[in-house]
Amino acid sequence: MRVLFMCSICLLLAQGVAAETATTRAPEPGQPAWISDQLKVPVRTGTTLRHKILRFLRSGTPVTVLEINESGSHARIRGPRGVEGWVPVDELMPEPSAREQLARARDRIEALKAQRRTLKAEIAQLQQQLKESQGQGEALLREKEALEARLEKLQRVAARPMQLARENTELSDRLTTAQQRIEQLEEENARLADSSRRDWFVRGAAVALGSLLLGLLLTRIRWRRRHDDW
């Protein structure tokens, strides 16, 4: 509203300047001109009031000045749709009227407002898209982190069989070593058992032989005693 008010004041000031310009400078042939702030200006077939009115032109209508009469009071113009006729020079202005300029300014302001609303809507849409993009980026980041965690887990799972294979190999080697040790111990036990049996056999034989010798010795002693008694 402030902009519209300022434009109105400026255009009203311009209207006064335009009015002064119109009274001091007449339009020239071949130059554009505009109908003054009169509501309607008659276009006649001649320069007097007795001439026929061809049509009325509204204020702000753009026309082309074709010629000026000798007295400089009237100008022959060409208006919209090719109509040609005479109008008083005082009813022409070298630039649009203040009313027309104000209307154009209002239209321009409305167009700028509409453009501002459009830009505001586009900015809101872009902000929404940016927000959605940021949300998608965060979702993708979370998905990336989840995939990385899953990949790390899969790598650990994939490395587990290799570790199990190494452990299995180590256990197999240890089992083989233990089996070999068991076999050695069994062989040693067998040797010890054989040695123990031999020792017991020798000891048994020695005991038996000793018993036999002792029996023979005792028998001999007894025989000698009997022989001596005889």
Protein backbone atom coordinates (compact mmCIF):
# COMPACT_ATOMS: atom_id res chain seq x y z
CA MET A 1 0.00 0.00 0.00
CA ARG A 2 2.85 2.40 0.76
CA VAL A 3 4.35 1.71 -2.67
CA LEU A 4 1.01 2.32 -4.34
CA PHE A 5 0.57 5.59 -2.40
CA MET A 6 4.02 6.82 -3.38
CA CYS A 7 3.40 5.89 -7.01
CA SER A 8 0.13 7.80 -6.93
CA ILE A 9 1.83 10.94 -5.60
CA CYS A 10 4.62 10.67 -8.18
CA LEU A 11 2.15 10.20 -10.99
CA LEU A 12 0.04 13.13 -9.83
CA LEU A 13 3.16 15.28 -9.86
CA ALA A 14 3.98 13.92 -13.30
CA GLN A 15 0.48 14.85 -14.41
CA GLY A 16 1.13 18.47 -13.54
CA VAL A 17 4.43 18.39 -15.40
CA ALA A 18 2.76 16.71 -18.37
CA ALA A 19 0.03 19.34 -18.40
CA GLU A 20 2.62 22.09 -18.44
CA THR A 21 4.53 20.30 -21.17
CA ALA A 22 1.38 19.89 -23.24
CA THR A 23 0.67 23.63 -23.07
CA THR A 24 4.21 24.61 -23.96
CA ARG A 25 5.12 21.99 -26.55
CA ALA A 26 2.75 20.86 -29.34
CA PRO A 27 3.04 17.33 -30.75
CA GLU A 28 4.96 16.97 -33.97
CA PRO A 29 3.86 15.02 -37.06
CA GLY A 30 5.01 11.41 -37.09
CA GLN A 31 5.42 11.30 -33.31
CA PRO A 32 3.26 9.30 -30.92
CA ALA A 33 0.83 11.14 -28.67
CA TRP A 34 -1.87 10.32 -26.16
CA ILE A 35 -5.35 11.62 -25.57
CA SER A 36 -5.47 13.91 -22.53
CA ASP A 37 -7.26 13.30 -19.25
CA GLN A 38 -10.62 14.22 -20.74
CA LEU A 39 -12.97 11.26 -20.43
CA LYS A 40 -13.73 11.25 -24.17
CA VAL A 41 -12.32 13.31 -27.01
CA PRO A 42 -14.26 13.53 -30.32
CA VAL A 43 -12.40 12.80 -33.53
CA ARG A 44 -13.91 14.92 -36.32
CA THR A 45 -13.62 15.05 -40.06
CA GLY A 46 -12.39 18.63 -39.81
CA THR A 47 -11.10 21.26 -37.44
CA THR A 48 -14.40 22.94 -36.54
CA LEU A 49 -17.30 21.89 -34.36
CA ARG A 50 -19.47 21.70 -37.47
CA HIS A 51 -17.49 18.77 -38.83
CA LYS A 52 -18.80 15.27 -38.30
CA ILE A 53 -17.67 13.26 -35.30
CA LEU A 54 -16.14 9.99 -36.44
CA ARG A 55 -15.72 8.49 -32.99
CA PHE A 56 -14.74 9.25 -29.42
CA LEU A 57 -11.37 8.30 -28.02
CA ARG A 58 -10.95 7.63 -24.32
CA SER A 59 -8.33 9.24 -22.15
CA GLY A 60 -4.93 7.60 -22.51
CA THR A 61 -5.60 6.23 -26.00
CA PRO A 62 -2.34 6.20 -27.99
CA VAL A 63 -2.50 7.89 -31.41
CA THR A 64 -0.10 8.95 -34.17
CA VAL A 65 0.06 12.60 -35.20
CA LEU A 66 -0.09 12.85 -38.99
CA GLU A 67 -0.10 16.64 -39.44
CA ILE A 68 -0.79 19.96 -37.74
CA ASN A 69 -2.96 22.66 -39.32
CA GLU A 70 -1.53 26.09 -40.12
CA SER A 71 -2.89 27.71 -37.00
CA GLY A 72 -1.50 24.92 -34.83
CA SER A 73 -4.83 24.44 -33.09
CA HIS A 74 -5.70 21.00 -34.44
CA ALA A 75 -3.84 17.83 -35.35
CA ARG A 76 -4.82 15.08 -37.73
CA ILE A 77 -4.28 11.77 -36.01
CA ARG A 78 -4.54 8.07 -36.65
CA GLY A 79 -6.06 6.13 -33.80
CA PRO A 80 -6.87 2.51 -33.08
CA ARG A 81 -8.31 0.42 -35.93
CA GLY A 82 -6.95 2.92 -38.45
CA VAL A 83 -9.44 5.71 -37.75
CA GLU A 84 -8.15 9.13 -38.89
CA GLY A 85 -9.49 12.55 -37.99
CA TRP A 86 -8.89 15.90 -36.36
CA VAL A 87 -8.66 16.66 -32.65
CA PRO A 88 -7.65 19.81 -30.76
CA VAL A 89 -3.93 19.95 -30.09
CA ASP A 90 -4.72 20.81 -26.48
CA GLU A 91 -6.27 17.33 -26.10
CA LEU A 92 -3.01 15.63 -27.00
CA MET A 93 -0.07 14.94 -24.70
CA PRO A 94 3.45 13.83 -25.66
CA GLU A 95 3.30 11.10 -22.99
CA PRO A 96 0.60 9.02 -21.31
CA SER A 97 -1.65 10.85 -18.89
CA ALA A 98 -1.12 10.65 -15.17
CA ARG A 99 -4.28 8.58 -14.91
CA GLU A 100 -2.97 6.15 -17.50
CA GLN A 101 0.43 6.06 -15.84
CA LEU A 102 -1.24 5.45 -12.49
CA ALA A 103 -3.28 2.61 -13.99
CA ARG A 104 -0.17 1.16 -15.56
CA ALA A 105 1.69 1.55 -12.26
CA ARG A 106 -1.13 -0.23 -10.48
CA ASP A 107 -1.06 -3.00 -13.06
CA ARG A 108 2.70 -3.19 -12.70
CA ILE A 109 2.39 -3.35 -8.91
CA GLU A 110 -0.22 -6.10 -9.18
CA ALA A 111 2.02 -7.95 -11.61
CA LEU A 112 4.95 -7.56 -9.21
CA LYS A 113 2.78 -8.78 -6.35
CA ALA A 114 1.72 -11.78 -8.40
CA GLN A 115 5.34 -12.38 -9.33
CA ARG A 116 6.28 -12.08 -5.66
CA ARG A 117 3.61 -14.61 -4.72
CA THR A 118 4.84 -16.92 -7.45
CA LEU A 119 8.45 -16.54 -6.31
CA LYS A 120 7.38 -17.07 -2.71
CA ALA A 121 5.56 -20.26 -3.69
CA GLU A 122 8.60 -21.40 -5.71
CA ILE A 123 10.89 -20.65 -2.75
CA ALA A 124 8.59 -22.60 -0.44
CA GLN A 125 8.58 -25.47 -2.92
CA LEU A 126 12.38 -25.36 -3.19
CA GLN A 127 12.67 -25.29 0.59
CA GLN A 128 10.35 -28.30 0.79
CA GLN A 129 12.41 -30.08 -1.86
CA LEU A 130 15.58 -29.18 0.05
CA LYS A 131 14.05 -30.52 3.25
CA GLU A 132 13.02 -33.71 1.48
CA SER A 133 16.48 -34.00 -0.07
CA GLN A 134 18.08 -33.55 3.34
CA GLY A 135 15.74 -36.22 4.72
CA GLN A 136 16.63 -38.52 1.86
CA GLY A 137 20.31 -37.78 2.45
CA GLU A 138 19.98 -38.66 6.13
CA ALA A 139 18.08 -41.84 5.23
CA LEU A 140 20.77 -42.76 2.71
CA LEU A 141 23.45 -42.08 5.32
CA ARG A 142 21.69 -44.35 7.80
CA GLU A 143 21.29 -46.99 5.10
CA LYS A 144 24.99 -46.64 4.25
CA GLU A 145 25.96 -47.10 7.90
CA ALA A 146 23.67 -50.13 8.17
CA LEU A 147 25.18 -51.63 5.02
CA GLU A 148 28.69 -50.99 6.30
CA ALA A 149 27.82 -52.69 9.60
CA ARG A 150 26.29 -55.60 7.71
CA LEU A 151 29.36 -55.84 5.47
CA GLU A 152 31.63 -55.87 8.51
CA LYS A 153 29.52 -58.63 10.04
CA LEU A 154 29.62 -60.63 6.82
CA GLN A 155 33.37 -60.18 6.67
CA ARG A 156 33.65 -61.48 10.22
CA VAL A 157 31.38 -64.41 9.34
CA ALA A 158 33.38 -65.05 6.19
CA ALA A 159 36.61 -64.94 8.17
CA ARG A 160 35.19 -67.35 10.77
CA PRO A 161 35.44 -70.46 8.56
CA MET A 162 39.06 -69.62 7.83
CA GLN A 163 39.72 -69.25 11.54
CA LEU A 164 37.85 -72.49 12.20
CA ALA A 165 39.89 -74.19 9.49
CA ARG A 166 43.11 -72.97 11.10
CA GLU A 167 41.90 -74.10 14.52
CA ASN A 168 40.83 -77.44 13.03
CA THR A 169 44.27 -77.87 11.48
CA GLU A 170 45.93 -77.00 14.77
CA LEU A 171 43.68 -79.43 16.65
CA SER A 172 44.36 -82.12 14.06
CA ASP A 173 48.09 -81.57 14.47
CA ARG A 174 47.75 -81.67 18.24
CA LEU A 175 45.60 -84.80 17.99
CA THR A 176 48.17 -86.44 15.74
CA THR A 177 50.92 -85.51 18.19
CA ALA A 178 48.85 -86.82 21.10
CA GLN A 179 48.11 -90.03 19.20
CA GLN A 180 51.79 -90.49 18.50
CA ARG A 181 52.56 -89.85 22.15
CA ILE A 182 49.90 -92.37 23.17
CA GLU A 183 51.40 -94.93 20.84
CA GLN A 184 54.83 -94.24 22.32
CA LEU A 185 53.45 -94.63 25.81
CA GLU A 186 51.69 -97.84 24.84
CA GLU A 187 54.92 -99.17 23.38
CA GLU A 188 56.79 -98.15 26.52
CA ASN A 189 54.09 -99.74 28.66
CA ALA A 190 54.33 -102.88 26.59
CA ARG A 191 58.09 -102.93 27.00
CA LEU A 192 57.76 -102.27 30.68
CA ALA A 193 55.14 -105.00 30.98
CA ASP A 194 57.41 -107.45 29.14
CA SER A 195 60.33 -106.40 31.30
CA SER A 196 58.20 -106.76 34.41
CA ARG A 197 57.04 -110.21 33.36
CA ARG A 198 60.62 -111.21 32.65
CA ASP A 199 61.68 -109.87 36.00
CA TRP A 200 58.94 -111.79 37.73
CA PHE A 201 59.81 -114.87 35.73
CA VAL A 202 63.49 -114.57 36.61
CA ARG A 203 62.65 -113.89 40.22
CA GLY A 204 60.25 -116.85 40.24
CA ALA A 205 62.83 -119.06 38.64
CA ALA A 206 65.47 -117.85 41.08
CA VAL A 207 63.13 -118.48 44.00
CA ALA A 208 62.29 -121.94 42.66
CA LEU A 209 65.94 -122.72 42.06
CA GLY A 210 66.85 -121.42 45.46
CA SER A 211 64.11 -123.49 47.04
CA LEU A 212 65.33 -126.53 45.15
CA LEU A 213 68.92 -125.97 46.21
CA LEU A 214 67.85 -125.33 49.76
CA GLY A 215 65.82 -128.54 49.73
CA LEU A 216 68.76 -130.49 48.37
CA LEU A 217 71.07 -128.94 50.89
CA LEU A 218 68.77 -129.75 53.74
CA THR A 219 68.35 -133.29 52.47
CA ARG A 220 72.14 -133.73 52.24
CA ILE A 221 72.61 -132.42 55.71
CA ARG A 222 70.05 -134.80 57.08
CA TRP A 223 71.61 -137.69 55.17
CA ARG A 224 75.03 -136.93 56.61
CA ARG A 225 73.66 -136.87 60.13
CA ARG A 226 72.06 -140.22 59.66
CA HIS A 227 75.22 -141.61 58.13
CA ASP A 228 77.28 -140.34 60.99
CA ASP A 229 74.89 -141.89 63.45
CA TRP A 230 75.52 -145.20 61.90
